[in-house]
Amino acid sequence: MLDTPIHPRDLPLFSDDLDRLEKVLDIVCKDRGMNPRSLEAERLGALIIQLYRQGVKDDAKLLALARAYF
């Protein structure tokens, strides 16, 4: 048995999680006129995933934080 704790950031993201996060990313990209395939959008997507793994599970909060970042 492992003696190390399991952190939320270490848990896998499932397809439902990824669908939610993609919707948030798509909204912010559309708001900013950003190409969803750009490097900037990739960085934003990484930020959204990081926020989600840190416990921000509410879509409205994720959206507000992502909008504030860009």
Protein backbone atom coordinates (compact mmCIF):
# COMPACT_ATOMS: atom_id res chain seq x y z
CA MET A 1 0.00 0.00 0.00
CA LEU A 2 1.24 3.47 -0.86
CA ASP A 3 1.96 5.85 1.96
CA THR A 4 1.54 8.99 -0.14
CA PRO A 5 -1.68 11.00 -0.17
CA ILE A 6 -3.61 11.36 -3.40
CA HIS A 7 -4.09 14.99 -4.36
CA PRO A 8 -6.99 16.19 -6.52
CA ARG A 9 -4.47 17.42 -9.10
CA ASP A 10 -3.33 13.81 -9.53
CA LEU A 11 -6.78 12.41 -10.31
CA PRO A 12 -7.65 11.81 -13.95
CA LEU A 13 -10.01 14.07 -15.84
CA PHE A 14 -12.93 12.20 -17.37
CA SER A 15 -14.76 13.04 -20.58
CA ASP A 16 -17.53 14.85 -18.68
CA ASP A 17 -14.90 17.02 -16.98
CA LEU A 18 -13.19 17.77 -20.27
CA ASP A 19 -16.50 18.65 -21.94
CA ARG A 20 -17.24 21.18 -19.18
CA LEU A 21 -13.78 22.71 -19.40
CA GLU A 22 -13.91 22.88 -23.18
CA LYS A 23 -17.19 24.81 -23.02
CA VAL A 24 -15.60 27.38 -20.70
CA LEU A 25 -12.59 27.65 -23.02
CA ASP A 26 -14.81 28.04 -26.09
CA ILE A 27 -16.81 30.85 -24.46
CA VAL A 28 -13.70 32.83 -23.49
CA CYS A 29 -12.14 32.28 -26.92
CA LYS A 30 -15.29 33.56 -28.59
CA ASP A 31 -15.48 36.56 -26.23
CA ARG A 32 -11.88 37.50 -27.03
CA GLY A 33 -11.99 36.67 -30.74
CA MET A 34 -9.25 34.14 -30.05
CA ASN A 35 -8.56 31.17 -32.29
CA PRO A 36 -9.30 28.10 -30.12
CA ARG A 37 -6.29 26.36 -31.70
CA SER A 38 -3.82 29.15 -30.89
CA LEU A 39 -0.99 29.02 -28.41
CA GLU A 40 -2.81 31.65 -26.34
CA ALA A 41 -5.91 29.43 -26.17
CA GLU A 42 -3.73 26.47 -25.22
CA ARG A 43 -2.33 28.44 -22.28
CA LEU A 44 -5.83 29.48 -21.28
CA GLY A 45 -6.97 25.85 -21.43
CA ALA A 46 -4.10 24.82 -19.17
CA LEU A 47 -5.10 27.53 -16.70
CA ILE A 48 -8.72 26.35 -16.71
CA ILE A 49 -7.61 22.78 -16.05
CA GLN A 50 -5.34 23.94 -13.24
CA LEU A 51 -8.18 25.91 -11.61
CA TYR A 52 -10.49 22.91 -11.93
CA ARG A 53 -7.96 20.60 -10.32
CA GLN A 54 -7.49 23.09 -7.50
CA GLY A 55 -11.17 22.78 -6.68
CA VAL A 56 -12.96 25.40 -8.77
CA LYS A 57 -15.79 23.16 -9.98
CA ASP A 58 -18.48 25.77 -10.63
CA ASP A 59 -18.71 26.65 -14.33
CA ALA A 60 -19.59 30.29 -13.64
CA LYS A 61 -16.57 30.70 -11.36
CA LEU A 62 -14.28 29.03 -13.87
CA LEU A 63 -15.60 31.32 -16.58
CA ALA A 64 -15.17 34.44 -14.44
CA LEU A 65 -11.60 33.50 -13.50
CA ALA A 66 -10.69 32.62 -17.09
CA ARG A 67 -12.14 35.91 -18.33
CA ALA A 68 -10.20 37.81 -15.68
CA TYR A 69 -6.96 36.15 -16.74
CA PHE A 70 -7.23 37.17 -20.39
